Amino acid sequence: MRFTGNIDARTDEKGRVFIPATFRKILQQAGFDTLILRRDIFQKCLVLYPEDVWDSMVDSIVQRTNPFDSRGRAALRGFVAGAERIGIDGNGRILIPRRYMEAADICGDVRFIGMDNSIEIWSRQKAEDLQNNSETLADSLESIMNPIAQQEPIAR
């Protein structure tokens, strides 16, 4: 399952927002009507995870966490405790709880961004600011994809 593209939407006064039809169709085809919502750990946005993607991420953290490592357990606790199950209503909307809207500075206009197997929800203004202030796409992709740039210099 892959989500791509970005689509603008608007929350109503209760925090309900329509999941874009293209994303909703992918979720329906995969049989998902419940999603996991949490604040992103790096950016000031929200992330929607299909349940199987969420379960896989949590399983990965659990497998790497020693039950006697307090830092690892605290990271797992923080990651899981910061999440909430949300349903898609009959009209294709989700309800974003107020605390999540405040955490991501969402107060009306939002932008849904497909991020491979998850969906980010941004304040539209924050999404535009990020796009305008970040490295160029070409520079980012070059540093990620150029195998020569990733190699360590050869010692002589």
N, C-alpha and C. Protein backbone atom coordinates (compact mmCIF):
# COMPACT_ATOMS: atom_id res chain seq x y z
N MET A 1 0.85 -1.16 0.00
CA MET A 1 0.00 0.00 0.00
C MET A 1 0.90 1.23 0.00
N ARG A 2 0.64 2.12 -0.94
CA ARG A 2 1.44 3.34 -1.08
C ARG A 2 0.53 4.54 -1.25
N PHE A 3 0.81 5.56 -0.46
CA PHE A 3 0.10 6.82 -0.58
C PHE A 3 1.05 7.83 -1.21
N THR A 4 0.60 8.52 -2.24
CA THR A 4 1.43 9.54 -2.88
C THR A 4 0.60 10.79 -3.13
N GLY A 5 1.30 11.89 -3.24
CA GLY A 5 0.65 13.16 -3.56
C GLY A 5 0.30 13.96 -2.32
N ASN A 6 -0.25 15.14 -2.58
CA ASN A 6 -0.70 15.99 -1.49
C ASN A 6 -2.01 16.64 -1.87
N ILE A 7 -2.90 16.73 -0.89
CA ILE A 7 -4.25 17.21 -1.14
C ILE A 7 -4.65 18.12 0.01
N ASP A 8 -5.18 19.28 -0.33
CA ASP A 8 -5.64 20.22 0.69
C ASP A 8 -7.06 19.91 1.09
N ALA A 9 -7.37 20.16 2.36
CA ALA A 9 -8.71 19.94 2.90
C ALA A 9 -8.93 20.96 4.02
N ARG A 10 -10.07 20.87 4.65
CA ARG A 10 -10.41 21.80 5.73
C ARG A 10 -11.12 21.04 6.84
N THR A 11 -10.70 21.29 8.07
CA THR A 11 -11.38 20.70 9.22
C THR A 11 -12.61 21.55 9.54
N ASP A 12 -13.63 20.90 10.10
CA ASP A 12 -14.77 21.68 10.55
C ASP A 12 -14.55 22.09 12.01
N GLU A 13 -15.54 22.75 12.60
CA GLU A 13 -15.39 23.27 13.96
C GLU A 13 -15.20 22.18 15.01
N LYS A 14 -15.60 20.95 14.69
CA LYS A 14 -15.43 19.83 15.63
C LYS A 14 -14.11 19.09 15.42
N GLY A 15 -13.38 19.43 14.37
CA GLY A 15 -12.12 18.75 14.09
C GLY A 15 -12.27 17.60 13.11
N ARG A 16 -13.43 17.50 12.46
CA ARG A 16 -13.63 16.46 11.46
C ARG A 16 -13.06 16.93 10.13
N VAL A 17 -12.51 15.97 9.39
CA VAL A 17 -11.95 16.28 8.08
C VAL A 17 -12.14 15.05 7.17
N PHE A 18 -12.45 15.31 5.92
CA PHE A 18 -12.57 14.23 4.95
C PHE A 18 -11.19 13.73 4.57
N ILE A 19 -11.01 12.42 4.63
CA ILE A 19 -9.79 11.83 4.10
C ILE A 19 -9.91 11.94 2.59
N PRO A 20 -8.89 12.45 1.91
CA PRO A 20 -8.98 12.60 0.45
C PRO A 20 -9.39 11.28 -0.21
N ALA A 21 -10.22 11.41 -1.23
CA ALA A 21 -10.80 10.23 -1.89
C ALA A 21 -9.73 9.26 -2.39
N THR A 22 -8.63 9.77 -2.92
CA THR A 22 -7.60 8.86 -3.44
C THR A 22 -6.99 8.03 -2.31
N PHE A 23 -6.78 8.64 -1.15
CA PHE A 23 -6.23 7.90 0.00
C PHE A 23 -7.29 6.96 0.58
N ARG A 24 -8.53 7.44 0.65
CA ARG A 24 -9.62 6.63 1.19
C ARG A 24 -9.82 5.37 0.35
N LYS A 25 -9.70 5.50 -0.95
CA LYS A 25 -9.86 4.35 -1.85
C LYS A 25 -8.79 3.29 -1.57
N ILE A 26 -7.57 3.71 -1.37
CA ILE A 26 -6.48 2.77 -1.04
C ILE A 26 -6.78 2.07 0.27
N LEU A 27 -7.23 2.82 1.27
CA LEU A 27 -7.56 2.24 2.57
C LEU A 27 -8.72 1.25 2.45
N GLN A 28 -9.74 1.60 1.68
CA GLN A 28 -10.89 0.72 1.51
C GLN A 28 -10.51 -0.57 0.80
N GLN A 29 -9.67 -0.45 -0.24
CA GLN A 29 -9.24 -1.64 -0.97
C GLN A 29 -8.45 -2.59 -0.08
N ALA A 30 -7.72 -2.02 0.88
CA ALA A 30 -6.93 -2.84 1.80
C ALA A 30 -7.76 -3.29 3.01
N GLY A 31 -9.00 -2.80 3.11
CA GLY A 31 -9.88 -3.22 4.19
C GLY A 31 -9.69 -2.50 5.51
N PHE A 32 -9.15 -1.30 5.48
CA PHE A 32 -8.92 -0.56 6.72
C PHE A 32 -10.01 0.47 6.95
N ASP A 33 -10.64 0.41 8.12
CA ASP A 33 -11.58 1.45 8.51
C ASP A 33 -11.18 2.07 9.85
N THR A 34 -10.10 1.57 10.43
CA THR A 34 -9.53 2.13 11.64
C THR A 34 -8.07 2.48 11.36
N LEU A 35 -7.67 3.64 11.81
CA LEU A 35 -6.29 4.10 11.61
C LEU A 35 -5.69 4.46 12.96
N ILE A 36 -4.39 4.59 12.98
CA ILE A 36 -3.69 5.04 14.18
C ILE A 36 -3.18 6.44 13.89
N LEU A 37 -3.46 7.36 14.80
CA LEU A 37 -3.04 8.76 14.67
C LEU A 37 -2.05 9.08 15.77
N ARG A 38 -0.96 9.72 15.38
CA ARG A 38 -0.02 10.23 16.38
C ARG A 38 0.71 11.43 15.81
N ARG A 39 1.29 12.21 16.69
CA ARG A 39 2.12 13.33 16.26
C ARG A 39 3.42 12.76 15.73
N ASP A 40 3.92 13.33 14.66
CA ASP A 40 5.19 12.88 14.09
C ASP A 40 6.30 13.11 15.09
N ILE A 41 7.30 12.25 15.10
CA ILE A 41 8.40 12.40 16.06
C ILE A 41 9.44 13.41 15.61
N PHE A 42 9.43 13.81 14.34
CA PHE A 42 10.43 14.74 13.84
C PHE A 42 9.85 16.11 13.48
N GLN A 43 8.66 16.14 12.90
CA GLN A 43 8.07 17.37 12.38
C GLN A 43 6.80 17.72 13.16
N LYS A 44 6.36 18.95 13.01
CA LYS A 44 5.14 19.40 13.68
C LYS A 44 3.94 19.10 12.77
N CYS A 45 3.65 17.81 12.65
CA CYS A 45 2.51 17.34 11.86
C CYS A 45 1.97 16.08 12.51
N LEU A 46 0.87 15.58 11.97
CA LEU A 46 0.28 14.34 12.45
C LEU A 46 0.50 13.26 11.41
N VAL A 47 0.48 12.02 11.86
CA VAL A 47 0.66 10.90 10.93
C VAL A 47 -0.45 9.89 11.15
N LEU A 48 -1.07 9.47 10.05
CA LEU A 48 -2.07 8.40 10.06
C LEU A 48 -1.41 7.13 9.57
N TYR A 49 -1.53 6.07 10.35
CA TYR A 49 -0.98 4.78 9.97
C TYR A 49 -2.11 3.77 9.81
N PRO A 50 -2.13 3.01 8.73
CA PRO A 50 -3.01 1.84 8.69
C PRO A 50 -2.58 0.90 9.83
N GLU A 51 -3.52 0.14 10.36
CA GLU A 51 -3.21 -0.69 11.53
C GLU A 51 -2.04 -1.64 11.33
N ASP A 52 -1.94 -2.27 10.16
CA ASP A 52 -0.84 -3.22 9.97
C ASP A 52 0.51 -2.52 9.91
N VAL A 53 0.56 -1.31 9.37
CA VAL A 53 1.80 -0.54 9.34
C VAL A 53 2.19 -0.16 10.76
N TRP A 54 1.22 0.30 11.53
CA TRP A 54 1.48 0.66 12.93
C TRP A 54 1.98 -0.56 13.71
N ASP A 55 1.29 -1.68 13.58
CA ASP A 55 1.68 -2.89 14.31
C ASP A 55 3.09 -3.30 13.95
N SER A 56 3.45 -3.21 12.68
CA SER A 56 4.80 -3.56 12.24
C SER A 56 5.85 -2.63 12.87
N MET A 57 5.53 -1.33 12.93
CA MET A 57 6.46 -0.38 13.53
C MET A 57 6.65 -0.66 15.02
N VAL A 58 5.56 -0.90 15.73
CA VAL A 58 5.65 -1.20 17.16
C VAL A 58 6.40 -2.50 17.38
N ASP A 59 6.11 -3.51 16.57
CA ASP A 59 6.83 -4.79 16.68
C ASP A 59 8.33 -4.58 16.49
N SER A 60 8.70 -3.74 15.54
CA SER A 60 10.10 -3.46 15.27
C SER A 60 10.78 -2.81 16.48
N ILE A 61 10.09 -1.87 17.11
CA ILE A 61 10.64 -1.21 18.30
C ILE A 61 10.76 -2.22 19.44
N VAL A 62 9.72 -3.03 19.65
CA VAL A 62 9.73 -4.02 20.72
C VAL A 62 10.88 -5.00 20.53
N GLN A 63 11.11 -5.45 19.30
CA GLN A 63 12.18 -6.41 19.03
C GLN A 63 13.56 -5.83 19.32
N ARG A 64 13.69 -4.51 19.19
CA ARG A 64 14.98 -3.87 19.41
C ARG A 64 15.14 -3.35 20.84
N THR A 65 14.12 -3.55 21.65
CA THR A 65 14.14 -2.99 23.00
C THR A 65 14.32 -4.07 24.04
N ASN A 66 15.36 -3.95 24.81
CA ASN A 66 15.59 -4.85 25.92
C ASN A 66 14.64 -4.45 27.05
N PRO A 67 13.90 -5.39 27.62
CA PRO A 67 12.96 -5.03 28.68
C PRO A 67 13.64 -4.43 29.92
N PHE A 68 14.97 -4.56 30.01
CA PHE A 68 15.70 -4.01 31.15
C PHE A 68 16.50 -2.76 30.80
N ASP A 69 16.20 -2.19 29.63
CA ASP A 69 16.84 -0.95 29.21
C ASP A 69 15.83 0.19 29.40
N SER A 70 16.05 1.01 30.39
CA SER A 70 15.06 2.04 30.74
C SER A 70 14.87 3.06 29.61
N ARG A 71 15.93 3.41 28.90
CA ARG A 71 15.78 4.37 27.80
C ARG A 71 14.95 3.79 26.66
N GLY A 72 15.21 2.53 26.34
CA GLY A 72 14.45 1.87 25.28
C GLY A 72 12.99 1.73 25.66
N ARG A 73 12.73 1.34 26.90
CA ARG A 73 11.35 1.20 27.36
C ARG A 73 10.63 2.55 27.38
N ALA A 74 11.37 3.60 27.77
CA ALA A 74 10.77 4.95 27.78
C ALA A 74 10.44 5.38 26.35
N ALA A 75 11.31 5.06 25.40
CA ALA A 75 11.05 5.42 24.00
C ALA A 75 9.82 4.67 23.49
N LEU A 76 9.73 3.38 23.78
CA LEU A 76 8.58 2.58 23.37
C LEU A 76 7.30 3.14 24.00
N ARG A 77 7.36 3.42 25.29
CA ARG A 77 6.20 3.96 26.00
C ARG A 77 5.75 5.28 25.39
N GLY A 78 6.69 6.17 25.13
CA GLY A 78 6.36 7.47 24.55
C GLY A 78 5.77 7.34 23.16
N PHE A 79 6.30 6.41 22.38
CA PHE A 79 5.82 6.22 21.02
C PHE A 79 4.39 5.68 21.03
N VAL A 80 4.14 4.66 21.83
CA VAL A 80 2.83 4.03 21.87
C VAL A 80 1.81 4.90 22.59
N ALA A 81 2.21 5.54 23.67
CA ALA A 81 1.27 6.35 24.45
C ALA A 81 0.82 7.59 23.68
N GLY A 82 1.62 8.03 22.72
CA GLY A 82 1.28 9.22 21.94
C GLY A 82 0.36 8.92 20.77
N ALA A 83 -0.20 7.72 20.72
CA ALA A 83 -1.03 7.32 19.58
C ALA A 83 -2.47 7.07 20.01
N GLU A 84 -3.35 7.14 19.03
CA GLU A 84 -4.77 6.90 19.29
C GLU A 84 -5.42 6.26 18.08
N ARG A 85 -6.27 5.28 18.32
CA ARG A 85 -7.04 4.65 17.26
C ARG A 85 -8.19 5.57 16.88
N ILE A 86 -8.38 5.77 15.58
CA ILE A 86 -9.50 6.59 15.11
C ILE A 86 -10.19 5.87 13.96
N GLY A 87 -11.48 6.06 13.89
CA GLY A 87 -12.26 5.42 12.84
C GLY A 87 -12.61 6.39 11.73
N ILE A 88 -12.93 5.83 10.59
CA ILE A 88 -13.41 6.60 9.45
C ILE A 88 -14.94 6.48 9.46
N ASP A 89 -15.63 7.60 9.51
CA ASP A 89 -17.10 7.53 9.57
C ASP A 89 -17.68 7.20 8.20
N GLY A 90 -19.00 7.05 8.14
CA GLY A 90 -19.68 6.67 6.92
C GLY A 90 -19.55 7.68 5.79
N ASN A 91 -19.16 8.91 6.13
CA ASN A 91 -18.96 9.95 5.12
C ASN A 91 -17.51 10.08 4.67
N GLY A 92 -16.62 9.23 5.21
CA GLY A 92 -15.21 9.29 4.84
C GLY A 92 -14.40 10.30 5.63
N ARG A 93 -14.91 10.65 6.82
CA ARG A 93 -14.20 11.64 7.65
C ARG A 93 -13.57 10.95 8.85
N ILE A 94 -12.56 11.63 9.38
CA ILE A 94 -11.99 11.26 10.67
C ILE A 94 -12.16 12.45 11.59
N LEU A 95 -12.17 12.19 12.87
CA LEU A 95 -12.21 13.24 13.88
C LEU A 95 -10.83 13.35 14.49
N ILE A 96 -10.22 14.52 14.31
CA ILE A 96 -8.90 14.75 14.90
C ILE A 96 -9.13 15.35 16.27
N PRO A 97 -8.73 14.64 17.33
CA PRO A 97 -8.93 15.19 18.67
C PRO A 97 -8.22 16.54 18.84
N ARG A 98 -8.82 17.40 19.63
CA ARG A 98 -8.34 18.76 19.82
C ARG A 98 -6.85 18.81 20.20
N ARG A 99 -6.42 17.92 21.10
CA ARG A 99 -5.00 17.96 21.55
C ARG A 99 -4.03 17.72 20.39
N TYR A 100 -4.44 16.88 19.44
CA TYR A 100 -3.59 16.63 18.27
C TYR A 100 -3.59 17.84 17.34
N MET A 101 -4.75 18.46 17.19
CA MET A 101 -4.82 19.66 16.34
C MET A 101 -3.92 20.75 16.92
N GLU A 102 -3.97 20.91 18.23
CA GLU A 102 -3.12 21.93 18.87
C GLU A 102 -1.63 21.58 18.73
N ALA A 103 -1.30 20.32 18.89
CA ALA A 103 0.11 19.90 18.79
C ALA A 103 0.69 20.17 17.41
N ALA A 104 -0.16 20.13 16.36
CA ALA A 104 0.31 20.34 14.99
C ALA A 104 -0.06 21.72 14.45
N ASP A 105 -0.56 22.59 15.32
CA ASP A 105 -0.98 23.95 14.91
C ASP A 105 -2.02 23.92 13.79
N ILE A 106 -2.94 22.97 13.86
CA ILE A 106 -4.00 22.87 12.86
C ILE A 106 -5.22 23.62 13.37
N CYS A 107 -5.71 24.53 12.55
CA CYS A 107 -6.91 25.28 12.95
C CYS A 107 -7.79 25.58 11.74
N GLY A 108 -7.89 24.65 10.84
CA GLY A 108 -8.75 24.86 9.68
C GLY A 108 -8.20 24.17 8.46
N ASP A 109 -7.39 24.89 7.70
CA ASP A 109 -6.84 24.35 6.45
C ASP A 109 -5.72 23.36 6.73
N VAL A 110 -5.82 22.20 6.12
CA VAL A 110 -4.81 21.16 6.29
C VAL A 110 -4.33 20.67 4.93
N ARG A 111 -3.21 20.02 4.95
CA ARG A 111 -2.67 19.36 3.76
C ARG A 111 -2.36 17.91 4.12
N PHE A 112 -2.96 17.00 3.38
CA PHE A 112 -2.64 15.58 3.51
C PHE A 112 -1.49 15.30 2.55
N ILE A 113 -0.45 14.64 3.05
CA ILE A 113 0.69 14.28 2.22
C ILE A 113 0.92 12.78 2.32
N GLY A 114 0.86 12.10 1.17
CA GLY A 114 1.14 10.68 1.14
C GLY A 114 2.62 10.43 1.34
N MET A 115 2.94 9.61 2.32
CA MET A 115 4.34 9.30 2.64
C MET A 115 4.54 7.78 2.65
N ASP A 116 4.50 7.20 1.46
CA ASP A 116 4.68 5.77 1.28
C ASP A 116 3.54 5.01 1.95
N ASN A 117 3.75 4.44 3.14
CA ASN A 117 2.71 3.62 3.76
C ASN A 117 1.98 4.34 4.89
N SER A 118 2.13 5.65 4.96
CA SER A 118 1.42 6.46 5.95
C SER A 118 0.99 7.77 5.30
N ILE A 119 0.17 8.51 6.03
CA ILE A 119 -0.34 9.79 5.54
C ILE A 119 -0.05 10.86 6.58
N GLU A 120 0.63 11.91 6.17
CA GLU A 120 0.87 13.04 7.08
C GLU A 120 -0.27 14.04 6.94
N ILE A 121 -0.60 14.68 8.06
CA ILE A 121 -1.58 15.76 8.06
C ILE A 121 -0.88 16.99 8.63
N TRP A 122 -0.77 18.00 7.81
CA TRP A 122 -0.08 19.24 8.17
C TRP A 122 -1.06 20.40 8.22
N SER A 123 -0.74 21.38 9.04
CA SER A 123 -1.36 22.69 8.86
C SER A 123 -0.92 23.13 7.47
N ARG A 124 -1.84 23.62 6.66
CA ARG A 124 -1.46 23.99 5.29
C ARG A 124 -0.33 25.00 5.29
N GLN A 125 -0.38 25.97 6.18
CA GLN A 125 0.67 26.98 6.23
C GLN A 125 2.03 26.37 6.59
N LYS A 126 2.05 25.45 7.57
CA LYS A 126 3.31 24.80 7.96
C LYS A 126 3.86 23.96 6.80
N ALA A 127 2.98 23.30 6.06
CA ALA A 127 3.43 22.50 4.91
C ALA A 127 4.05 23.40 3.85
N GLU A 128 3.45 24.54 3.60
CA GLU A 128 4.00 25.47 2.61
C GLU A 128 5.32 26.07 3.10
N ASP A 129 5.39 26.41 4.38
CA ASP A 129 6.63 26.94 4.94
C ASP A 129 7.76 25.92 4.82
N LEU A 130 7.46 24.68 5.13
CA LEU A 130 8.47 23.63 5.05
C LEU A 130 8.96 23.47 3.62
N GLN A 131 8.04 23.46 2.69
CA GLN A 131 8.40 23.30 1.29
C GLN A 131 9.26 24.47 0.81
N ASN A 132 8.95 25.66 1.26
CA ASN A 132 9.70 26.84 0.83
C ASN A 132 11.06 26.98 1.50
N ASN A 133 11.24 26.39 2.69
CA ASN A 133 12.47 26.58 3.45
C ASN A 133 13.40 25.38 3.46
N SER A 134 13.00 24.27 2.87
CA SER A 134 13.84 23.08 2.94
C SER A 134 14.86 23.07 1.81
N GLU A 135 15.79 22.09 1.92
CA GLU A 135 16.76 21.90 0.84
C GLU A 135 15.98 21.64 -0.45
N THR A 136 16.64 21.83 -1.54
CA THR A 136 15.96 21.50 -2.79
C THR A 136 15.82 19.99 -2.90
N LEU A 137 14.80 19.56 -3.58
CA LEU A 137 14.56 18.13 -3.76
C LEU A 137 15.76 17.46 -4.42
N ALA A 138 16.31 18.11 -5.41
CA ALA A 138 17.45 17.52 -6.12
C ALA A 138 18.64 17.30 -5.18
N ASP A 139 18.94 18.28 -4.33
CA ASP A 139 20.05 18.14 -3.38
C ASP A 139 19.80 16.99 -2.41
N SER A 140 18.57 16.91 -1.89
CA SER A 140 18.23 15.85 -0.95
C SER A 140 18.37 14.48 -1.59
N LEU A 141 17.80 14.33 -2.78
CA LEU A 141 17.87 13.03 -3.44
C LEU A 141 19.30 12.66 -3.82
N GLU A 142 20.08 13.65 -4.23
CA GLU A 142 21.47 13.37 -4.57
C GLU A 142 22.23 12.83 -3.36
N SER A 143 22.03 13.42 -2.19
CA SER A 143 22.76 12.97 -1.01
C SER A 143 22.28 11.59 -0.55
N ILE A 144 21.02 11.27 -0.79
CA ILE A 144 20.49 9.97 -0.39
C ILE A 144 20.87 8.89 -1.39
N MET A 145 20.78 9.18 -2.67
CA MET A 145 20.89 8.16 -3.71
C MET A 145 22.27 8.01 -4.34
N ASN A 146 23.15 8.97 -4.17
CA ASN A 146 24.46 8.92 -4.80
C ASN A 146 25.37 7.98 -4.01
N PRO A 147 25.68 6.82 -4.54
CA PRO A 147 26.50 5.86 -3.78
C PRO A 147 27.91 6.36 -3.53
N ILE A 148 28.44 7.18 -4.40
CA ILE A 148 29.80 7.69 -4.20
C ILE A 148 29.84 8.63 -3.01
N ALA A 149 28.84 9.47 -2.85
CA ALA A 149 28.80 10.40 -1.73
C ALA A 149 28.66 9.67 -0.40
N GLN A 150 28.12 8.46 -0.41
CA GLN A 150 27.92 7.71 0.83
C GLN A 150 29.14 6.92 1.25
N GLN A 151 30.10 6.74 0.35
CA GLN A 151 31.28 5.96 0.67
C GLN A 151 32.25 6.78 1.52
N GLU A 152 32.91 6.09 2.41
CA GLU A 152 33.94 6.74 3.23
C GLU A 152 35.17 6.95 2.37
N PRO A 153 35.90 8.03 2.61
CA PRO A 153 37.14 8.24 1.84
C PRO A 153 38.13 7.10 2.10
N ILE A 154 38.87 6.77 1.08
CA ILE A 154 39.87 5.69 1.20
C ILE A 154 41.11 6.24 1.87
N ALA A 155 41.52 5.56 2.95
CA ALA A 155 42.73 6.00 3.69
C ALA A 155 43.96 5.63 2.87
N ARG A 156 44.92 6.55 2.82
CA ARG A 156 46.15 6.30 2.06
C ARG A 156 47.31 6.32 2.96
